[in-house]
């Protein structure tokens, strides 16, 4: 069970301003960002409208120079310093109710400005990583499953360079048994797509398989999902390594109610539910939501140790605040021969829990090798819960620790479409930023990150020029945007009476995703050039202003 959604957002579309029931940062009104002068600087303002008032769909931003419709972010801050970086996430509908304008991978600022709007498609796990020593952006896209096959998906992973060119599509070719005799061109699951430091990608896969379910009260000749992970070469899609949960973990480790699942091939029992895998050198760290366990595997796939969120597993009894249940997104930190810290998005909930345990950003220090002692050997580093805003996230979610050395943490709450940046306080009392981009249980953010990214698109900036018929205002306005460009500081404006005779009129300071600027009455043609590092770069198409 999840918390009730907030009151609807009243939106004044005519003024492009939003009002909220609590103090927020006004999205879309950016602070001036000074551009280096080339000749003289003319006025420029951030611009976007807002759509969605009175609709079940969360309010979205509207531009003149772009057809993108990213969500409005309802933002609250406490004024303390935030970590650097952009919000990197995906949004999609959580239920059959239309609750977002368009699904897409998104990069946005922590003031709510759009930076990059990816393709309009069902996507998860947008993430910045390094591939072949270069920064890349990647995301999963495909079909998310429903019904008896709910909770995973079938698709591929797209890897982009800093100019947003596709450099690889991860689509390994393996034989799977899929309920309903369905077939898909690509079979990568929604949950994990992780680039290793050896330039391979780890992906999760779900395979319907015969299994003996008698240990959990089911049929001997039952059916379950065997959760696999593959290590894949992104260039060739060759599968370099395969691991099977069914070969290594007993089915009776599960906490997932069977509720009749597993009786036939069309309704397999999801007893393990893999949702995360990363490498630690030659080893692998694997997470199973439904066993409440995280496993360290050796290079051959054998289990070295298990930490269980209830019993502690190989690590013995856990401190009271160190237990986890139905967890997602474990990540290792500060790995040494004697210890490792691991962070989890500890959902602490499933629908059957009925909202009794707040979701937690959890980080534990584990001694190595593990010691199964009667006294607790595991130490709690962080246990982040907003004391003024308990959230009960039944599914999905992510937690990043120590963002760029600031000590801040960033939590995305999955099916509750809220993100929070916490200060270094280990209890979660210092909530520095909260952003909401949808109603509870209607909009989902599978994972979300705060990451530094530099995008340099190769396409041209988009420019629209419109006559202004209002009195006492400029004769016309120009509107310019450049999807994905992160390093623009201004726009050099060229004007003239003919397309072949344009002169530079001045520079408009960069004001966010879309910048609006004034156009003089005698101008018929306008063009802009992006200013990056004090120099003009790529120009827009020349636009004609009709009288």
Protein backbone atom coordinates (compact mmCIF):
# COMPACT_ATOMS: atom_id res chain seq x y z
CA UNK A 1 0.00 0.00 0.00
CA UNK A 2 1.30 3.48 -0.84
CA UNK A 3 0.63 6.90 0.54
CA UNK A 4 -2.24 8.95 -0.79
CA UNK A 5 -1.49 11.30 -3.69
CA UNK A 6 -1.19 15.01 -2.93
CA UNK A 7 -3.81 17.53 -3.87
CA UNK A 8 -3.99 18.29 -7.58
CA UNK A 9 -1.74 21.05 -8.85
CA UNK A 10 -3.61 24.22 -9.76
CA UNK A 11 -2.06 25.60 -12.94
CA UNK A 12 -2.46 29.07 -14.42
CA UNK A 13 -1.75 28.30 -18.07
CA UNK A 14 -2.07 31.90 -19.21
CA UNK A 15 0.82 33.07 -17.07
CA UNK A 16 2.84 29.81 -17.25
CA UNK A 17 3.10 29.82 -13.47
CA UNK A 18 2.28 27.01 -11.10
CA UNK A 19 1.02 27.35 -7.57
CA UNK A 20 1.38 24.60 -5.01
CA UNK A 21 0.00 23.81 -1.61
CA UNK A 22 3.45 24.07 -0.01
CA UNK A 23 6.58 26.19 -0.67
CA UNK A 24 8.25 25.22 -3.93
CA UNK A 25 10.76 26.39 -6.44
CA UNK A 26 8.83 27.83 -9.38
CA UNK A 27 9.64 25.57 -12.28
CA UNK A 28 10.49 27.29 -15.54
CA UNK A 29 11.66 30.66 -14.20
CA UNK A 30 15.41 30.26 -14.35
CA UNK A 31 17.88 32.60 -12.71
CA UNK A 32 19.82 34.63 -15.31
CA UNK A 33 22.92 32.86 -16.57
CA UNK A 34 25.40 35.34 -17.97
CA UNK A 35 26.72 34.68 -21.46
CA UNK A 36 30.09 36.03 -22.55
CA UNK A 37 29.46 39.13 -24.69
CA UNK A 38 30.36 39.03 -28.37
CA UNK A 39 28.93 42.46 -29.18
CA UNK A 40 26.00 43.43 -26.95
CA UNK A 41 23.55 41.41 -24.98
CA UNK A 42 19.80 41.72 -25.54
CA UNK A 43 17.04 40.56 -23.20
CA UNK A 44 16.26 36.87 -22.99
CA UNK A 45 14.00 34.91 -20.68
CA UNK A 46 13.23 31.30 -19.94
CA UNK A 47 10.06 30.23 -21.66
CA UNK A 48 7.55 27.45 -21.51
CA UNK A 49 3.83 27.03 -21.10
CA UNK A 50 2.04 24.39 -19.05
CA UNK A 51 -0.54 21.84 -20.12
CA UNK A 52 -2.73 19.38 -18.26
CA UNK A 53 -4.91 21.53 -16.03
CA UNK A 54 -7.96 19.53 -14.96
CA UNK A 55 -6.66 16.31 -16.49
CA UNK A 56 -5.67 12.98 -14.94
CA UNK A 57 -2.36 13.54 -16.74
CA UNK A 58 0.34 15.21 -14.66
CA UNK A 59 1.06 18.80 -15.82
CA UNK A 60 3.58 19.03 -18.63
CA UNK A 61 5.76 21.74 -20.14
CA UNK A 62 5.01 23.22 -23.58
CA UNK A 63 7.49 24.95 -25.89
CA UNK A 64 7.32 26.95 -29.11
CA UNK A 65 10.53 25.56 -30.63
CA UNK A 66 10.05 21.91 -29.63
CA UNK A 67 7.25 19.35 -29.51
CA UNK A 68 8.59 17.74 -26.33
CA UNK A 69 6.27 17.62 -23.33
CA UNK A 70 8.38 16.82 -20.23
CA UNK A 71 6.69 16.84 -16.84
CA UNK A 72 6.47 19.82 -14.57
CA UNK A 73 8.49 19.04 -11.43
CA UNK A 74 6.92 20.09 -8.12
CA UNK A 75 10.06 21.06 -6.18
CA UNK A 76 10.70 21.81 -2.52
CA UNK A 77 14.12 22.73 -1.15
CA UNK A 78 15.53 23.70 2.24
CA UNK A 79 18.16 26.00 0.73
CA UNK A 80 21.21 23.94 1.66
CA UNK A 81 23.85 23.04 -0.96
CA UNK A 82 22.95 20.35 -3.46
CA UNK A 83 25.30 17.98 -5.26
CA UNK A 84 26.24 18.79 -8.85
CA UNK A 85 24.57 16.99 -11.70
CA UNK A 86 21.32 16.55 -13.60
CA UNK A 87 18.27 14.45 -12.81
CA UNK A 88 18.56 11.34 -15.01
CA UNK A 89 15.44 9.18 -15.10
CA UNK A 90 12.55 7.69 -17.07
CA UNK A 91 8.83 8.11 -16.50
CA UNK A 92 5.96 5.90 -17.53
CA UNK A 93 2.37 5.09 -16.57
CA UNK A 94 2.09 2.71 -13.62
CA UNK A 95 -1.47 1.63 -14.29
CA UNK A 96 -4.05 1.59 -17.09
CA UNK A 97 -4.85 5.24 -16.30
CA UNK A 98 -3.19 7.74 -18.63
CA UNK A 99 -1.13 9.75 -16.15
CA UNK A 100 1.77 11.18 -18.19
CA UNK A 101 1.78 13.11 -21.43
CA UNK A 102 4.50 11.00 -23.09
CA UNK A 103 6.84 8.24 -21.84
CA UNK A 104 10.52 8.96 -22.47
CA UNK A 105 14.00 8.93 -20.96
CA UNK A 106 14.70 12.38 -19.52
CA UNK A 107 17.57 14.55 -18.31
CA UNK A 108 16.45 17.60 -16.31
CA UNK A 109 17.98 20.15 -13.96
CA UNK A 110 17.17 20.20 -10.27
CA UNK A 111 15.27 23.44 -10.95
CA UNK A 112 12.95 21.60 -13.33
CA UNK A 113 14.36 22.65 -16.71
CA UNK A 114 14.51 20.07 -19.49
CA UNK A 115 18.02 19.25 -20.74
CA UNK A 116 17.44 16.24 -22.99
CA UNK A 117 14.24 14.52 -24.03
CA UNK A 118 14.91 11.06 -25.45
CA UNK A 119 12.74 9.12 -27.89
CA UNK A 120 9.06 8.75 -27.06
CA UNK A 121 8.93 5.12 -25.94
CA UNK A 122 8.59 2.85 -22.92
CA UNK A 123 12.00 3.03 -21.23
CA UNK A 124 13.72 2.29 -17.92
CA UNK A 125 17.11 2.71 -16.31
CA UNK A 126 18.52 5.75 -18.10
CA UNK A 127 22.05 5.95 -16.73
CA UNK A 128 25.41 7.67 -17.34
CA UNK A 129 28.39 5.28 -17.37
CA UNK A 130 31.79 4.84 -19.00
CA UNK A 131 32.34 2.63 -22.04
CA UNK A 132 35.73 2.28 -23.73
CA UNK A 133 37.00 5.15 -21.55
CA UNK A 134 34.31 7.54 -22.78
CA UNK A 135 31.13 8.77 -21.03
CA UNK A 136 27.97 7.25 -22.46
CA UNK A 137 24.25 7.31 -21.80
CA UNK A 138 22.16 4.15 -22.01
CA UNK A 139 18.58 3.06 -21.46
CA UNK A 140 16.38 -0.02 -21.80
CA UNK A 141 13.30 0.10 -24.03
CA UNK A 142 10.70 -2.49 -24.93
CA UNK A 143 7.57 -4.15 -23.55
CA UNK A 144 6.83 -4.17 -19.81
CA UNK A 145 4.79 -7.23 -18.92
CA UNK A 146 1.38 -7.46 -17.25
CA UNK A 147 -1.05 -10.11 -15.99
CA UNK A 148 0.43 -13.41 -14.81
CA UNK A 149 3.73 -12.42 -16.39
CA UNK A 150 3.84 -9.06 -14.60
CA UNK A 151 6.95 -7.40 -13.24
CA UNK A 152 9.60 -7.61 -15.94
CA UNK A 153 9.91 -7.12 -19.69
CA UNK A 154 11.47 -7.90 -23.05
CA UNK A 155 13.53 -5.35 -24.98
CA UNK A 156 17.00 -4.03 -25.73
CA UNK A 157 19.50 -1.53 -24.37
CA UNK A 158 20.57 1.49 -26.42
CA UNK A 159 24.00 3.05 -25.77
CA UNK A 160 24.55 6.67 -26.85
CA UNK A 161 27.70 8.78 -27.07
CA UNK A 162 27.86 12.39 -25.88
CA UNK A 163 26.41 13.55 -29.20
CA UNK A 164 23.42 11.19 -28.72
CA UNK A 165 24.50 8.95 -31.57
CA UNK A 166 23.70 5.25 -31.13
CA UNK A 167 27.00 3.39 -30.74
CA UNK A 168 25.59 0.00 -29.71
CA UNK A 169 22.30 -1.84 -29.24
CA UNK A 170 22.47 -4.67 -26.73
CA UNK A 171 20.23 -7.50 -27.93
CA UNK A 172 21.73 -10.91 -27.12
CA UNK A 173 20.26 -13.88 -28.93
CA UNK A 174 19.29 -16.58 -26.44
CA UNK A 175 16.47 -19.09 -26.43
CA UNK A 176 13.81 -18.33 -23.83
CA UNK A 177 10.51 -19.89 -22.89
CA UNK A 178 8.04 -17.01 -22.60
CA UNK A 179 4.50 -17.47 -21.23
CA UNK A 180 1.80 -17.44 -23.87
CA UNK A 181 4.26 -18.62 -26.54
CA UNK A 182 5.17 -15.00 -27.19
CA UNK A 183 8.25 -14.09 -29.20
CA UNK A 184 10.33 -10.92 -29.10
CA UNK A 185 13.19 -9.66 -31.24
CA UNK A 186 15.11 -8.81 -28.06
CA UNK A 187 14.74 -10.41 -24.63
CA UNK A 188 16.64 -8.18 -22.18
CA UNK A 189 14.64 -7.57 -19.01
CA UNK A 190 13.74 -4.11 -17.72
CA UNK A 191 15.61 -4.40 -14.45
CA UNK A 192 19.34 -4.32 -15.09
CA UNK A 193 21.67 -2.97 -17.74
CA UNK A 194 25.08 -2.28 -16.25
CA UNK A 195 28.34 -1.57 -18.07
CA UNK A 196 31.35 -3.20 -16.42
CA UNK A 197 34.89 -1.87 -16.26
CA UNK A 198 35.83 -4.52 -18.85
CA UNK A 199 33.48 -2.99 -21.47
CA UNK A 200 30.81 -5.65 -21.19
CA UNK A 201 27.19 -5.25 -20.15
CA UNK A 202 25.34 -7.20 -17.47
CA UNK A 203 21.64 -7.67 -18.18
CA UNK A 204 18.81 -9.53 -16.45
CA UNK A 205 16.61 -12.09 -18.21
CA UNK A 206 13.49 -14.07 -17.17
CA UNK A 207 12.96 -17.62 -18.46
CA UNK A 208 9.85 -19.74 -17.71
CA UNK A 209 11.17 -23.13 -16.57
CA UNK A 210 9.87 -26.37 -15.01
CA UNK A 211 10.70 -26.45 -11.28
CA UNK A 212 9.82 -28.54 -8.24
CA UNK A 213 7.62 -26.26 -6.11
CA UNK A 214 6.81 -28.84 -3.43
CA UNK A 215 9.14 -27.12 -0.91
CA UNK A 216 6.77 -24.12 -1.03
CA UNK A 217 3.52 -26.07 -1.18
CA UNK A 218 3.24 -26.23 -4.94
CA UNK A 219 3.31 -29.03 -7.49
CA UNK A 220 6.41 -31.16 -8.05
CA UNK A 221 6.06 -30.53 -11.77
CA UNK A 222 5.50 -26.82 -11.36
CA UNK A 223 6.59 -23.81 -13.37
CA UNK A 224 8.69 -20.85 -12.25
CA UNK A 225 10.75 -18.03 -13.63
CA UNK A 226 14.41 -18.94 -13.68
CA UNK A 227 16.08 -15.56 -13.25
CA UNK A 228 19.24 -15.27 -15.33
CA UNK A 229 21.87 -12.66 -15.86
CA UNK A 230 24.02 -12.49 -18.96
CA UNK A 231 27.35 -10.80 -19.52
CA UNK A 232 27.25 -9.51 -23.10
CA UNK A 233 29.71 -7.92 -25.51
CA UNK A 234 27.84 -4.78 -26.69
CA UNK A 235 29.68 -4.75 -30.02
CA UNK A 236 28.84 -8.31 -31.09
CA UNK A 237 25.98 -9.25 -28.70
CA UNK A 238 27.91 -12.42 -27.92
CA UNK A 239 26.97 -13.89 -24.52
CA UNK A 240 30.18 -14.30 -22.53
CA UNK A 241 28.68 -15.66 -19.29
CA UNK A 242 25.29 -16.88 -18.06
CA UNK A 243 24.13 -17.38 -14.48
CA UNK A 244 20.94 -19.14 -13.36
CA UNK A 245 19.28 -18.52 -9.99
CA UNK A 246 17.58 -21.91 -10.13
CA UNK A 247 20.96 -23.64 -10.29
CA UNK A 248 22.28 -21.93 -7.16
CA UNK A 249 19.49 -20.84 -4.77
CA UNK A 250 16.85 -23.13 -3.15
CA UNK A 251 13.28 -22.15 -4.00
CA UNK A 252 12.28 -22.25 -0.32
CA UNK A 253 14.35 -19.10 0.30
CA UNK A 254 11.49 -17.11 -1.19
CA UNK A 255 9.13 -14.83 0.73
CA UNK A 256 6.83 -14.29 -2.24
CA UNK A 257 3.30 -15.67 -1.71
CA UNK A 258 2.54 -18.24 -4.41
CA UNK A 259 -1.19 -17.50 -4.68
CA UNK A 260 -1.69 -20.31 -7.18
CA UNK A 261 1.25 -19.35 -9.40
CA UNK A 262 3.37 -22.13 -10.84
CA UNK A 263 0.59 -24.59 -11.67
CA UNK A 264 1.19 -24.25 -15.41
CA UNK A 265 3.47 -22.74 -18.00
CA UNK A 266 1.26 -19.71 -18.61
CA UNK A 267 1.51 -18.55 -14.96
CA UNK A 268 5.07 -19.18 -13.68
CA UNK A 269 5.93 -18.53 -10.04
CA UNK A 270 8.29 -15.57 -9.69
CA UNK A 271 10.04 -16.89 -6.59
CA UNK A 272 13.42 -15.11 -7.03
CA UNK A 273 12.91 -11.86 -8.98
CA UNK A 274 16.35 -10.65 -10.00
CA UNK A 275 16.49 -6.86 -10.21
CA UNK A 276 20.16 -5.93 -9.95
CA UNK A 277 23.60 -7.23 -10.90
CA UNK A 278 26.96 -5.44 -10.97
CA UNK A 279 30.51 -6.69 -11.05
CA UNK A 280 33.11 -6.26 -8.32
CA UNK A 281 36.27 -7.09 -10.24
CA UNK A 282 35.81 -10.68 -11.46
CA UNK A 283 32.98 -11.28 -8.99
CA UNK A 284 29.29 -10.39 -9.28
CA UNK A 285 26.87 -8.81 -6.79
CA UNK A 286 23.33 -10.10 -7.47
CA UNK A 287 20.07 -9.09 -5.82
CA UNK A 288 16.82 -11.05 -5.43
CA UNK A 289 13.80 -9.04 -4.28
CA UNK A 290 11.68 -12.04 -3.35
CA UNK A 291 14.28 -13.88 -1.22
CA UNK A 292 15.33 -10.68 0.60
CA UNK A 293 18.89 -11.65 -0.25
CA UNK A 294 21.96 -10.20 -1.97
CA UNK A 295 24.68 -12.58 -3.14
CA UNK A 296 28.36 -12.25 -3.95
CA UNK A 297 29.33 -14.71 -6.68
CA UNK A 298 32.74 -15.74 -7.89
CA UNK A 299 33.73 -15.60 -11.56
CA UNK A 300 32.21 -19.06 -12.13
CA UNK A 301 28.87 -18.10 -10.56
CA UNK A 302 29.25 -19.95 -7.27
CA UNK A 303 27.97 -18.11 -4.19
CA UNK A 304 30.76 -16.77 -1.96
CA UNK A 305 28.42 -15.25 0.61
CA UNK A 306 24.82 -14.20 1.14
CA UNK A 307 23.41 -11.34 3.18
CA UNK A 308 19.77 -11.91 4.12
CA UNK A 309 17.69 -8.88 5.09
CA UNK A 310 15.87 -10.85 7.79
CA UNK A 311 18.43 -13.20 9.37
CA UNK A 312 21.66 -11.63 8.15
CA UNK A 313 22.59 -14.82 6.31
CA UNK A 314 26.34 -15.45 6.43
CA UNK A 315 26.84 -12.23 8.41
CA UNK A 316 24.86 -13.22 11.49
CA UNK A 317 22.23 -11.13 13.28
CA UNK A 318 21.68 -7.64 11.91
CA UNK A 319 21.29 -4.42 13.89
CA UNK A 320 17.67 -3.38 14.33
CA UNK A 321 17.93 -0.62 11.70
CA UNK A 322 19.81 -2.81 9.19
CA UNK A 323 17.03 -5.18 8.11
CA UNK A 324 15.75 -5.01 4.54
CA UNK A 325 12.84 -6.53 2.60
CA UNK A 326 11.71 -6.51 -1.07
CA UNK A 327 14.82 -4.44 -1.83
CA UNK A 328 16.25 -2.98 -5.05
CA UNK A 329 19.46 -1.49 -6.42
CA UNK A 330 22.30 -2.75 -4.18
CA UNK A 331 25.61 -1.09 -5.05
CA UNK A 332 29.07 -1.75 -3.53
CA UNK A 333 31.31 1.03 -2.21
CA UNK A 334 34.78 1.24 -0.64
CA UNK A 335 35.68 -2.35 -1.44
CA UNK A 336 38.70 -3.78 0.40
CA UNK A 337 39.92 -7.18 1.57
CA UNK A 338 38.52 -6.54 5.04
CA UNK A 339 35.19 -4.83 4.37
CA UNK A 340 32.70 -3.50 1.84
CA UNK A 341 29.80 -1.08 2.22
CA UNK A 342 26.63 -1.80 0.27
CA UNK A 343 23.73 0.55 -0.32
CA UNK A 344 20.16 -0.61 -1.02
CA UNK A 345 16.89 0.99 -1.91
CA UNK A 346 15.07 -0.85 0.85
CA UNK A 347 11.45 -0.91 -0.28
CA UNK A 348 10.58 -2.53 3.05
CA UNK A 349 7.13 -3.08 1.54
CA UNK A 350 5.05 -5.08 -0.82
CA UNK A 351 1.31 -4.74 -1.38
CA UNK A 352 0.65 -7.42 1.25
CA UNK A 353 2.40 -5.27 3.89
CA UNK A 354 -0.35 -2.67 3.69
CA UNK A 355 1.95 0.34 4.16
CA UNK A 356 3.36 -0.60 7.57
CA UNK A 357 7.10 -0.05 6.96
CA UNK A 358 8.50 3.19 5.51
CA UNK A 359 10.87 2.79 2.59
CA UNK A 360 14.51 3.42 3.48
CA UNK A 361 17.77 4.43 1.83
CA UNK A 362 20.05 1.92 3.55
CA UNK A 363 23.83 1.59 3.62
CA UNK A 364 25.60 -1.11 5.62
CA UNK A 365 29.26 -1.86 6.36
CA UNK A 366 29.96 -5.57 6.01
CA UNK A 367 33.13 -7.19 7.44
CA UNK A 368 35.01 -9.54 5.10
CA UNK A 369 35.11 -12.43 5.18
CA UNK A 370 31.64 -12.64 6.80
CA UNK A 371 31.44 -13.78 10.40
CA UNK A 372 28.25 -15.53 11.49
CA UNK A 373 28.45 -14.54 15.14
CA UNK A 374 25.79 -14.22 17.80
CA UNK A 375 26.67 -10.55 18.18
CA UNK A 376 26.04 -8.28 15.21
CA UNK A 377 29.04 -7.77 12.95
CA UNK A 378 27.29 -5.55 10.40
CA UNK A 379 27.23 -1.78 11.01
CA UNK A 380 24.63 0.70 9.75
CA UNK A 381 26.12 3.69 7.91
CA UNK A 382 22.96 5.35 6.58
CA UNK A 383 19.27 4.81 7.28
CA UNK A 384 17.51 7.56 5.35
CA UNK A 385 13.84 8.25 5.97
CA UNK A 386 12.27 11.69 5.59
CA UNK A 387 10.73 12.17 9.07
CA UNK A 388 8.11 14.56 7.65
CA UNK A 389 7.20 12.47 4.62
CA UNK A 390 7.19 8.70 5.11
CA UNK A 391 6.90 6.94 1.76
CA UNK A 392 5.80 3.33 1.22
CA UNK A 393 7.12 2.19 -2.16
CA UNK A 394 5.97 -1.33 -2.98
CA UNK A 395 8.09 -1.65 -6.12
CA UNK A 396 11.09 -0.26 -8.02
CA UNK A 397 13.41 2.50 -6.80
CA UNK A 398 17.09 3.41 -6.40
CA UNK A 399 19.51 4.97 -3.94
CA UNK A 400 22.81 6.74 -4.69
CA UNK A 401 25.27 7.53 -1.90
CA UNK A 402 27.87 10.29 -1.45
CA UNK A 403 27.14 12.18 -4.64
CA UNK A 404 30.44 13.46 -6.03
CA UNK A 405 32.03 13.56 -2.59
CA UNK A 406 29.38 15.85 -1.06
CA UNK A 407 28.03 13.25 1.37
CA UNK A 408 24.55 13.82 -0.10
CA UNK A 409 22.36 10.88 -1.11
CA UNK A 410 19.73 10.69 -3.84
CA UNK A 411 16.67 8.44 -3.60
CA UNK A 412 14.06 7.72 -6.27
CA UNK A 413 10.93 6.02 -4.93
CA UNK A 414 9.86 3.87 -7.89
CA UNK A 415 6.08 3.57 -8.13
CA UNK A 416 5.84 6.69 -5.96
CA UNK A 417 7.08 9.28 -8.45
CA UNK A 418 9.11 11.27 -5.95
CA UNK A 419 12.85 11.91 -5.72
CA UNK A 420 14.73 13.28 -2.72
CA UNK A 421 18.25 14.55 -2.15
CA UNK A 422 19.39 14.09 1.44
CA UNK A 423 22.27 15.86 3.17
CA UNK A 424 25.05 13.94 4.95
CA UNK A 425 22.99 13.36 8.13
CA UNK A 426 22.81 9.52 8.44
CA UNK A 427 19.22 9.57 9.74
CA UNK A 428 17.63 11.37 6.81
CA UNK A 429 16.60 14.43 8.83
CA UNK A 430 18.32 16.81 6.37
CA UNK A 431 16.12 16.61 3.24
CA UNK A 432 17.57 19.22 0.91
CA UNK A 433 15.49 18.70 -2.23
CA UNK A 434 12.25 16.92 -3.09
CA UNK A 435 10.88 16.61 -6.62
CA UNK A 436 7.57 15.08 -7.65
CA UNK A 437 6.68 14.38 -11.29
CA UNK A 438 3.47 12.41 -11.00
CA UNK A 439 0.67 11.18 -8.79
CA UNK A 440 1.27 8.21 -6.46
CA UNK A 441 0.58 4.81 -8.01
CA UNK A 442 -0.13 6.41 -11.40
CA UNK A 443 3.34 7.49 -12.57
CA UNK A 444 6.46 5.40 -12.01
CA UNK A 445 10.16 6.20 -12.05
CA UNK A 446 11.92 2.83 -12.20
CA UNK A 447 15.23 4.35 -11.11
CA UNK A 448 16.53 7.90 -10.95
CA UNK A 449 20.00 9.34 -10.59
CA UNK A 450 21.78 12.64 -10.13
CA UNK A 451 24.73 12.60 -12.52
CA UNK A 452 27.12 14.93 -14.29
CA UNK A 453 26.73 14.82 -18.06
CA UNK A 454 28.04 16.87 -20.97
CA UNK A 455 26.00 16.59 -24.14
CA UNK A 456 27.06 18.00 -27.51
CA UNK A 457 24.35 17.25 -30.08
CA UNK A 458 25.26 17.27 -33.74
CA UNK A 459 21.86 18.42 -34.96
CA UNK A 460 20.93 22.06 -35.42
CA UNK A 461 19.27 24.26 -32.80
CA UNK A 462 15.53 24.70 -33.25
CA UNK A 463 14.33 28.26 -33.86
CA UNK A 464 10.78 29.64 -34.17
CA UNK A 465 9.99 33.32 -34.79
CA UNK A 466 6.48 34.64 -34.24
CA UNK A 467 4.93 38.04 -34.75
CA UNK A 468 3.60 39.61 -31.58
CA UNK A 469 0.33 41.51 -31.97
CA UNK A 470 0.14 42.71 -28.38
CA UNK A 471 0.53 46.44 -27.83
CA UNK A 472 3.50 47.81 -25.94
CA UNK A 473 5.59 44.70 -26.67
CA UNK A 474 8.33 43.78 -29.14
CA UNK A 475 7.23 43.34 -32.74
CA UNK A 476 8.12 39.65 -32.60
CA UNK A 477 9.67 36.99 -30.40
CA UNK A 478 12.23 34.36 -31.22
CA UNK A 479 12.23 31.02 -29.39
CA UNK A 480 15.28 28.77 -29.48
CA UNK A 481 16.14 25.37 -28.00
CA UNK A 482 18.73 22.66 -28.64
CA UNK A 483 17.80 19.28 -27.26
CA UNK A 484 20.59 17.75 -25.18
CA UNK A 485 23.06 20.66 -25.33
CA UNK A 486 24.52 21.16 -21.86
CA UNK A 487 27.34 23.68 -22.43
CA UNK A 488 25.59 26.53 -24.27
CA UNK A 489 26.06 29.89 -22.53
CA UNK A 490 24.26 32.10 -25.03
CA UNK A 491 22.74 32.54 -28.47
CA UNK A 492 24.24 34.84 -31.12
CA UNK A 493 21.33 36.39 -33.03
CA UNK A 494 21.56 37.22 -36.73
CA UNK A 495 18.92 39.43 -38.38
CA UNK A 496 18.27 40.94 -41.79
CA UNK A 497 15.83 41.94 -44.50
CA UNK A 498 16.81 38.97 -46.67
CA UNK A 499 18.05 35.45 -45.98
CA UNK A 500 21.34 36.15 -47.75
CA UNK A 501 22.07 39.37 -45.90
CA UNK A 502 22.11 38.65 -42.16
CA UNK A 503 24.18 40.58 -39.66
CA UNK A 504 24.90 39.73 -36.07
CA UNK A 505 22.64 41.82 -33.85
CA UNK A 506 23.91 40.61 -30.48
CA UNK A 507 23.89 37.80 -27.96
CA UNK A 508 21.03 36.47 -25.85
CA UNK A 509 21.98 34.82 -22.58
CA UNK A 510 21.07 31.14 -22.24
CA UNK A 511 17.93 30.88 -20.11
CA UNK A 512 17.09 27.18 -19.98
CA UNK A 513 15.80 24.62 -22.45
CA UNK A 514 13.93 27.28 -24.42
CA UNK A 515 15.08 30.91 -24.51
CA UNK A 516 12.80 33.70 -25.73
CA UNK A 517 14.24 36.91 -27.17
CA UNK A 518 12.95 40.11 -28.78
CA UNK A 519 12.98 40.66 -32.55
CA UNK A 520 12.95 44.19 -34.05
CA UNK A 521 10.07 45.48 -36.17
CA UNK A 522 11.99 45.82 -39.46
CA UNK A 523 13.45 42.31 -39.34
CA UNK A 524 12.22 39.67 -41.80
CA UNK A 525 14.80 36.88 -41.37
CA UNK A 526 16.39 35.52 -38.19
CA UNK A 527 19.04 32.93 -37.42
CA UNK A 528 20.85 31.99 -34.19
CA UNK A 529 24.17 30.33 -33.39
CA UNK A 530 24.92 28.53 -30.15
CA UNK A 531 27.69 30.10 -28.07
CA UNK A 532 29.90 27.53 -26.31
CA UNK A 533 33.07 28.49 -24.45
CA UNK A 534 32.85 32.02 -25.87
CA UNK A 535 32.70 30.92 -29.49
CA UNK A 536 29.87 30.46 -31.94
CA UNK A 537 29.23 26.87 -32.94
CA UNK A 538 26.30 25.33 -34.81
CA UNK A 539 23.67 27.61 -36.34
CA UNK A 540 19.94 27.11 -36.70
CA UNK A 541 18.07 27.22 -39.97
CA UNK A 542 17.15 30.75 -41.15
CA UNK A 543 13.56 31.59 -40.19
CA UNK A 544 11.28 34.01 -42.08
CA UNK A 545 9.06 36.37 -40.09
CA UNK A 546 5.77 36.87 -41.91
CA UNK A 547 4.17 40.30 -41.72
